[in-house]
Amino acid sequence: MAKDKLQTNLFSLYGLYFVNNLLHVNALLSYGISTVTKEKFQNLSTPLSGKVKMFDTLISLGYDVVLAERLAFVPSIGFEYLNYNQDKLSDTKKTYSLDAVKMNKLRLVTALGINYTSNFENLAMHFDVHGKFYQDLNNKVKISTPNTPIVMESSNDVILPRSNFNLGASLVLDFQDNVNLGIGYDYYANKDLNYNSVFLKAKLSF
C-alpha cells in the first residue's frame, strides 16, 4: 500500500458580494504548488517524488437564514473547476517512475453552515461549523504516455470517486484595524480516501 506525503504552498484570492442583506455571492481563486512523495509504493525500497501544480476556482450563491441575533444558518450552492497537473514521479536515480497525471474537473458544490458571532470592544469573533457535498459532473483523469521502466499500470482514463464530502469548523478574529486572523479544521472523505487538514489564515482588508 502506498503512503503519500504532500507539502503545498497555496495562494488564494477571495471575494464576497452582498446582493442584499441576506443573499450573497462568494468567489474563490486558488493556485498551489506541491511536492508529492510516495514513501512506499508496491515492492520498491526507494521513495518516488515529483511536483504538482493546481488551479482551482469556486463560485457559489449563499443565503443567511437568521436564527437569532448572532446566529445564522447558511445554505449555499455553486460550481467548482479544478485543473491538476502532476509531473512524473520518480526516484533520485530516475530508475523507476509513475506516469504524469493531468486532470480537469467540474463539480457541483452544496453546503450547509452555522455561523455564530460574538462582539467585543475591539474585535468580533466568528465561529463556523459547516458540511459540504461535492458531486463531480466530469471526473476523467488523463495519464501520459507510459515511461520505461514503469511501476504503475498505465491506462488512458482513470475514474475517480464521483462524490465527496467535507466536515469542518473554523474560528476567525476580526479586528477593527481591518486585520482578520483565523484557524480551521476540515475532514474530507470519499469511498476510497479520507484525510484531515488544519489551516491558519490572515487577511488584510483595504
C-alpha atoms as a PDB file:
ATOM      1  CA  MET A   1       0.000   0.000   0.000  1.00  0.00           C
ATOM      2  CA  ALA A   2       1.360   3.436  -0.957  1.00  0.00           C
ATOM      3  CA  LYS A   3       1.935   6.131   1.631  1.00  0.00           C
ATOM      4  CA  ASP A   4       1.946   9.709   0.394  1.00  0.00           C
ATOM      5  CA  LYS A   5       3.289  12.983   1.777  1.00  0.00           C
ATOM      6  CA  LEU A   6       2.167  16.306   0.345  1.00  0.00           C
ATOM      7  CA  GLN A   7       3.816  19.681   1.005  1.00  0.00           C
ATOM      8  CA  THR A   8       1.840  22.559  -0.508  1.00  0.00           C
ATOM      9  CA  ASN A   9       2.184  26.306  -0.958  1.00  0.00           C
ATOM     10  CA  LEU A  10      -1.285  27.678  -1.699  1.00  0.00           C
ATOM     11  CA  PHE A  11      -2.150  31.224  -2.780  1.00  0.00           C
ATOM     12  CA  SER A  12      -5.802  32.349  -2.798  1.00  0.00           C
ATOM     13  CA  LEU A  13      -7.984  35.350  -3.594  1.00  0.00           C
ATOM     14  CA  TYR A  14     -11.460  35.543  -2.046  1.00  0.00           C
ATOM     15  CA  GLY A  15     -14.370  37.803  -2.960  1.00  0.00           C
ATOM     16  CA  LEU A  16     -17.757  38.389  -1.317  1.00  0.00           C
ATOM     17  CA  TYR A  17     -20.625  40.432  -2.783  1.00  0.00           C
ATOM     18  CA  PHE A  18     -23.939  41.014  -0.993  1.00  0.00           C
ATOM     19  CA  VAL A  19     -26.895  41.152  -3.377  1.00  0.00           C
ATOM     20  CA  ASN A  20     -28.989  42.256  -0.392  1.00  0.00           C
ATOM     21  CA  ASN A  21     -28.736  41.889   3.393  1.00  0.00           C
ATOM     22  CA  LEU A  22     -29.162  38.098   3.248  1.00  0.00           C
ATOM     23  CA  LEU A  23     -28.231  36.907  -0.268  1.00  0.00           C
ATOM     24  CA  HIS A  24     -24.547  36.856  -1.226  1.00  0.00           C
ATOM     25  CA  VAL A  25     -22.164  35.624  -3.924  1.00  0.00           C
ATOM     26  CA  ASN A  26     -18.839  34.067  -2.918  1.00  0.00           C
ATOM     27  CA  ALA A  27     -15.846  33.569  -5.222  1.00  0.00           C
ATOM     28  CA  LEU A  28     -12.524  31.853  -4.558  1.00  0.00           C
ATOM     29  CA  LEU A  29      -9.481  31.626  -6.838  1.00  0.00           C
ATOM     30  CA  SER A  30      -6.509  29.481  -5.771  1.00  0.00           C
ATOM     31  CA  TYR A  31      -3.139  28.400  -7.175  1.00  0.00           C
ATOM     32  CA  GLY A  32      -0.997  25.765  -5.493  1.00  0.00           C
ATOM     33  CA  ILE A  33       2.447  24.226  -5.971  1.00  0.00           C
ATOM     34  CA  SER A  34       3.100  20.934  -4.187  1.00  0.00           C
ATOM     35  CA  THR A  35       5.771  18.296  -3.729  1.00  0.00           C
ATOM     36  CA  VAL A  36       4.385  14.746  -3.648  1.00  0.00           C
ATOM     37  CA  THR A  37       6.405  11.930  -2.088  1.00  0.00           C
ATOM     38  CA  LYS A  38       5.349   8.282  -2.106  1.00  0.00           C
ATOM     39  CA  GLU A  39       7.402   6.786   0.720  1.00  0.00           C
ATOM     40  CA  LYS A  40       6.351   3.239  -0.140  1.00  0.00           C
ATOM     41  CA  PHE A  41       4.946   2.017  -3.423  1.00  0.00           C
ATOM     42  CA  GLN A  42       4.352  -1.654  -4.176  1.00  0.00           C
ATOM     43  CA  ASN A  43       7.649  -3.506  -3.589  1.00  0.00           C
ATOM     44  CA  LEU A  44      10.014  -0.549  -4.103  1.00  0.00           C
ATOM     45  CA  SER A  45      12.522   0.295  -1.358  1.00  0.00           C
ATOM     46  CA  THR A  46      13.082   3.853  -2.582  1.00  0.00           C
ATOM     47  CA  PRO A  47      10.595   6.746  -2.407  1.00  0.00           C
ATOM     48  CA  LEU A  48       9.163   8.406  -5.519  1.00  0.00           C
ATOM     49  CA  SER A  49       8.653  12.188  -5.697  1.00  0.00           C
ATOM     50  CA  GLY A  50       7.603  14.932  -8.086  1.00  0.00           C
ATOM     51  CA  LYS A  51       5.874  18.290  -8.449  1.00  0.00           C
ATOM     52  CA  VAL A  52       2.168  19.148  -8.690  1.00  0.00           C
ATOM     53  CA  LYS A  53       0.599  22.384  -9.924  1.00  0.00           C
ATOM     54  CA  MET A  54      -3.063  23.104  -9.210  1.00  0.00           C
ATOM     55  CA  PHE A  55      -5.511  25.807 -10.255  1.00  0.00           C
ATOM     56  CA  ASP A  56      -8.898  25.945  -8.536  1.00  0.00           C
ATOM     57  CA  THR A  57     -11.827  28.335  -8.793  1.00  0.00           C
ATOM     58  CA  LEU A  58     -15.170  28.277  -6.975  1.00  0.00           C
ATOM     59  CA  ILE A  59     -18.253  30.485  -7.228  1.00  0.00           C
ATOM     60  CA  SER A  60     -21.328  29.977  -5.061  1.00  0.00           C
ATOM     61  CA  LEU A  61     -24.587  31.619  -4.015  1.00  0.00           C
ATOM     62  CA  GLY A  62     -25.467  31.650  -0.324  1.00  0.00           C
ATOM     63  CA  TYR A  63     -28.370  32.827   1.808  1.00  0.00           C
ATOM     64  CA  ASP A  64     -28.264  33.770   5.513  1.00  0.00           C
ATOM     65  CA  VAL A  65     -31.192  32.359   7.486  1.00  0.00           C
ATOM     66  CA  VAL A  66     -31.105  34.306  10.764  1.00  0.00           C
ATOM     67  CA  LEU A  67     -31.942  32.036  13.715  1.00  0.00           C
ATOM     68  CA  ALA A  68     -31.108  34.526  16.482  1.00  0.00           C
ATOM     69  CA  GLU A  69     -29.391  37.886  16.844  1.00  0.00           C
ATOM     70  CA  ARG A  70     -25.885  36.459  16.410  1.00  0.00           C
ATOM     71  CA  LEU A  71     -26.670  33.036  14.964  1.00  0.00           C
ATOM     72  CA  ALA A  72     -27.302  32.214  11.292  1.00  0.00           C
ATOM     73  CA  PHE A  73     -27.899  29.104   9.198  1.00  0.00           C
ATOM     74  CA  VAL A  74     -26.291  29.438   5.738  1.00  0.00           C
ATOM     75  CA  PRO A  75     -27.149  27.087   2.841  1.00  0.00           C
ATOM     76  CA  SER A  76     -25.283  27.590  -0.445  1.00  0.00           C
ATOM     77  CA  ILE A  77     -24.852  26.076  -3.902  1.00  0.00           C
ATOM     78  CA  GLY A  78     -22.174  26.623  -6.522  1.00  0.00           C
ATOM     79  CA  PHE A  79     -19.717  25.233  -9.048  1.00  0.00           C
ATOM     80  CA  GLU A  80     -16.004  24.442  -8.750  1.00  0.00           C
ATOM     81  CA  TYR A  81     -13.453  23.993 -11.551  1.00  0.00           C
ATOM     82  CA  LEU A  82     -10.178  22.209 -10.812  1.00  0.00           C
ATOM     83  CA  ASN A  83      -7.108  21.898 -13.058  1.00  0.00           C
ATOM     84  CA  TYR A  84      -4.494  19.485 -11.686  1.00  0.00           C
ATOM     85  CA  ASN A  85      -1.106  18.690 -13.257  1.00  0.00           C
ATOM     86  CA  GLN A  86       1.203  16.142 -11.640  1.00  0.00           C
ATOM     87  CA  ASP A  87       4.660  15.661 -13.123  1.00  0.00           C
ATOM     88  CA  LYS A  88       6.187  12.222 -13.478  1.00  0.00           C
ATOM     89  CA  LEU A  89       7.066  10.807 -10.033  1.00  0.00           C
ATOM     90  CA  SER A  90      10.494   9.185  -9.922  1.00  0.00           C
ATOM     91  CA  ASP A  91      13.257   8.106  -7.541  1.00  0.00           C
ATOM     92  CA  THR A  92      16.500  10.068  -7.152  1.00  0.00           C
ATOM     93  CA  LYS A  93      18.347   7.864  -9.664  1.00  0.00           C
ATOM     94  CA  LYS A  94      15.483   8.065 -12.217  1.00  0.00           C
ATOM     95  CA  THR A  95      15.308   4.255 -12.262  1.00  0.00           C
ATOM     96  CA  TYR A  96      11.578   3.965 -11.593  1.00  0.00           C
ATOM     97  CA  SER A  97       8.750   6.309 -12.387  1.00  0.00           C
ATOM     98  CA  LEU A  98       4.996   6.838 -12.325  1.00  0.00           C
ATOM     99  CA  ASP A  99       3.139   8.403 -15.223  1.00  0.00           C
ATOM    100  CA  ALA A 100       2.373  12.110 -15.214  1.00  0.00           C
ATOM    101  CA  VAL A 101      -1.294  12.907 -14.486  1.00  0.00           C
ATOM    102  CA  LYS A 102      -3.463  15.721 -15.854  1.00  0.00           C
ATOM    103  CA  MET A 103      -6.971  16.331 -14.564  1.00  0.00           C
ATOM    104  CA  ASN A 104      -9.715  18.831 -15.392  1.00  0.00           C
ATOM    105  CA  LYS A 105     -12.751  18.549 -13.153  1.00  0.00           C
ATOM    106  CA  LEU A 106     -16.046  20.427 -12.891  1.00  0.00           C
ATOM    107  CA  ARG A 107     -18.240  19.694  -9.895  1.00  0.00           C
ATOM    108  CA  LEU A 108     -21.372  20.862  -8.137  1.00  0.00           C
ATOM    109  CA  VAL A 109     -20.885  22.012  -4.538  1.00  0.00           C
ATOM    110  CA  THR A 110     -23.690  22.223  -1.980  1.00  0.00           C
ATOM    111  CA  ALA A 111     -23.034  23.383   1.575  1.00  0.00           C
ATOM    112  CA  LEU A 112     -24.738  23.943   4.920  1.00  0.00           C
ATOM    113  CA  GLY A 113     -23.159  26.091   7.608  1.00  0.00           C
ATOM    114  CA  ILE A 114     -23.948  27.512  11.031  1.00  0.00           C
ATOM    115  CA  ASN A 115     -22.288  30.828  11.922  1.00  0.00           C
ATOM    116  CA  TYR A 116     -22.103  32.422  15.372  1.00  0.00           C
ATOM    117  CA  THR A 117     -20.715  35.923  16.005  1.00  0.00           C
ATOM    118  CA  SER A 118     -19.690  37.483  19.317  1.00  0.00           C
ATOM    119  CA  ASN A 119     -18.698  41.142  19.506  1.00  0.00           C
ATOM    120  CA  PHE A 120     -16.118  42.573  21.894  1.00  0.00           C
ATOM    121  CA  GLU A 121     -14.687  46.058  22.391  1.00  0.00           C
ATOM    122  CA  ASN A 122     -12.002  45.912  19.685  1.00  0.00           C
ATOM    123  CA  LEU A 123     -12.836  42.779  17.728  1.00  0.00           C
ATOM    124  CA  ALA A 124     -15.529  40.372  16.555  1.00  0.00           C
ATOM    125  CA  MET A 125     -15.236  36.589  16.917  1.00  0.00           C
ATOM    126  CA  HIS A 126     -16.820  34.372  14.266  1.00  0.00           C
ATOM    127  CA  PHE A 127     -17.299  30.629  14.776  1.00  0.00           C
ATOM    128  CA  ASP A 128     -18.371  28.424  11.857  1.00  0.00           C
ATOM    129  CA  VAL A 129     -19.360  24.764  11.524  1.00  0.00           C
ATOM    130  CA  HIS A 130     -20.004  23.507   8.002  1.00  0.00           C
ATOM    131  CA  GLY A 131     -20.658  20.491   5.836  1.00  0.00           C
ATOM    132  CA  LYS A 132     -20.122  20.323   2.074  1.00  0.00           C
ATOM    133  CA  PHE A 133     -21.043  17.780  -0.578  1.00  0.00           C
ATOM    134  CA  TYR A 134     -19.179  17.631  -3.910  1.00  0.00           C
ATOM    135  CA  GLN A 135     -20.691  15.910  -6.933  1.00  0.00           C
ATOM    136  CA  ASP A 136     -18.462  15.550  -9.992  1.00  0.00           C
ATOM    137  CA  LEU A 137     -20.019  16.487 -13.315  1.00  0.00           C
ATOM    138  CA  ASN A 138     -16.980  15.057 -15.102  1.00  0.00           C
ATOM    139  CA  ASN A 139     -14.197  13.059 -13.465  1.00  0.00           C
ATOM    140  CA  LYS A 140     -11.823  11.578 -16.027  1.00  0.00           C
ATOM    141  CA  VAL A 141      -8.070  11.809 -15.437  1.00  0.00           C
ATOM    142  CA  LYS A 142      -5.651  11.639 -18.349  1.00  0.00           C
ATOM    143  CA  ILE A 143      -2.438   9.639 -17.968  1.00  0.00           C
ATOM    144  CA  SER A 144       0.611  10.450 -20.099  1.00  0.00           C
ATOM    145  CA  THR A 145       2.407   8.003 -22.386  1.00  0.00           C
ATOM    146  CA  PRO A 146       3.994   5.280 -20.219  1.00  0.00           C
ATOM    147  CA  ASN A 147       7.621   5.760 -19.183  1.00  0.00           C
ATOM    148  CA  THR A 148      10.162   2.956 -19.128  1.00  0.00           C
ATOM    149  CA  PRO A 149      10.687   1.351 -16.726  1.00  0.00           C
ATOM    150  CA  ILE A 150       7.264   1.874 -15.126  1.00  0.00           C
ATOM    151  CA  VAL A 151       5.935   0.644 -11.783  1.00  0.00           C
ATOM    152  CA  MET A 152       2.271   1.566 -12.225  1.00  0.00           C
ATOM    153  CA  GLU A 153      -0.151   0.001 -14.660  1.00  0.00           C
ATOM    154  CA  SER A 154      -0.986   2.608 -17.260  1.00  0.00           C
ATOM    155  CA  SER A 155      -4.384   3.449 -18.663  1.00  0.00           C
ATOM    156  CA  ASN A 156      -5.783   6.197 -20.854  1.00  0.00           C
ATOM    157  CA  ASP A 157      -8.515   7.074 -18.350  1.00  0.00           C
ATOM    158  CA  VAL A 158      -8.781   6.694 -14.594  1.00  0.00           C
ATOM    159  CA  ILE A 159     -12.207   7.063 -12.984  1.00  0.00           C
ATOM    160  CA  LEU A 160     -12.180   8.658  -9.529  1.00  0.00           C
ATOM    161  CA  PRO A 161     -14.992   8.668  -6.953  1.00  0.00           C
ATOM    162  CA  ARG A 162     -17.723  11.000  -8.186  1.00  0.00           C
ATOM    163  CA  SER A 163     -18.996  12.022  -4.737  1.00  0.00           C
ATOM    164  CA  ASN A 164     -17.036  13.583  -1.868  1.00  0.00           C
ATOM    165  CA  PHE A 165     -17.985  15.240   1.391  1.00  0.00           C
ATOM    166  CA  ASN A 166     -16.334  17.614   3.847  1.00  0.00           C
ATOM    167  CA  LEU A 167     -16.982  18.464   7.504  1.00  0.00           C
ATOM    168  CA  GLY A 168     -15.164  21.317   9.198  1.00  0.00           C
ATOM    169  CA  ALA A 169     -15.044  24.179  11.669  1.00  0.00           C
ATOM    170  CA  SER A 170     -13.206  27.491  11.914  1.00  0.00           C
ATOM    171  CA  LEU A 171     -12.640  30.363  14.327  1.00  0.00           C
ATOM    172  CA  VAL A 172     -11.945  33.859  12.977  1.00  0.00           C
ATOM    173  CA  LEU A 173     -10.952  37.025  14.865  1.00  0.00           C
ATOM    174  CA  ASP A 174     -11.905  40.233  13.051  1.00  0.00           C
ATOM    175  CA  PHE A 175     -10.020  43.263  14.425  1.00  0.00           C
ATOM    176  CA  GLN A 176     -11.130  46.872  13.969  1.00  0.00           C
ATOM    177  CA  ASP A 177      -7.921  47.785  12.106  1.00  0.00           C
ATOM    178  CA  ASN A 178      -9.008  45.619   9.097  1.00  0.00           C
ATOM    179  CA  VAL A 179      -6.895  42.635  10.169  1.00  0.00           C
ATOM    180  CA  ASN A 180      -8.504  39.198  10.110  1.00  0.00           C
ATOM    181  CA  LEU A 181      -6.903  36.101  11.692  1.00  0.00           C
ATOM    182  CA  GLY A 182      -8.304  32.575  11.626  1.00  0.00           C
ATOM    183  CA  ILE A 183      -7.714  28.895  12.323  1.00  0.00           C
ATOM    184  CA  GLY A 184      -9.697  25.941  10.999  1.00  0.00           C
ATOM    185  CA  TYR A 185     -10.005  22.187  10.605  1.00  0.00           C
ATOM    186  CA  ASP A 186     -11.501  20.144   7.756  1.00  0.00           C
ATOM    187  CA  TYR A 187     -12.146  16.446   7.236  1.00  0.00           C
ATOM    188  CA  TYR A 188     -12.568  15.174   3.662  1.00  0.00           C
ATOM    189  CA  ALA A 189     -13.739  11.724   2.590  1.00  0.00           C
ATOM    190  CA  ASN A 190     -14.981   9.582  -0.277  1.00  0.00           C
ATOM    191  CA  LYS A 191     -15.327   5.834  -0.713  1.00  0.00           C
ATOM    192  CA  ASP A 192     -11.578   5.373  -1.376  1.00  0.00           C
ATOM    193  CA  LEU A 193      -9.817   8.078   0.627  1.00  0.00           C
ATOM    194  CA  ASN A 194     -10.083  10.270   3.718  1.00  0.00           C
ATOM    195  CA  TYR A 195      -7.755  12.963   5.041  1.00  0.00           C
ATOM    196  CA  ASN A 196      -7.521  15.850   7.501  1.00  0.00           C
ATOM    197  CA  SER A 197      -6.498  19.468   7.013  1.00  0.00           C
ATOM    198  CA  VAL A 198      -5.583  22.160   9.558  1.00  0.00           C
ATOM    199  CA  PHE A 199      -5.078  25.730   8.355  1.00  0.00           C
ATOM    200  CA  LEU A 200      -4.128  29.201   9.555  1.00  0.00           C
ATOM    201  CA  LYS A 201      -5.063  32.325   7.652  1.00  0.00           C
ATOM    202  CA  ALA A 202      -4.514  36.074   7.786  1.00  0.00           C
ATOM    203  CA  LYS A 203      -6.438  38.680   5.779  1.00  0.00           C
ATOM    204  CA  LEU A 204      -5.901  42.415   5.383  1.00  0.00           C
ATOM    205  CA  SER A 205      -8.871  44.446   4.105  1.00  0.00           C
ATOM    206  CA  PHE A 206      -8.388  47.709   2.219  1.00  0.00           C
END
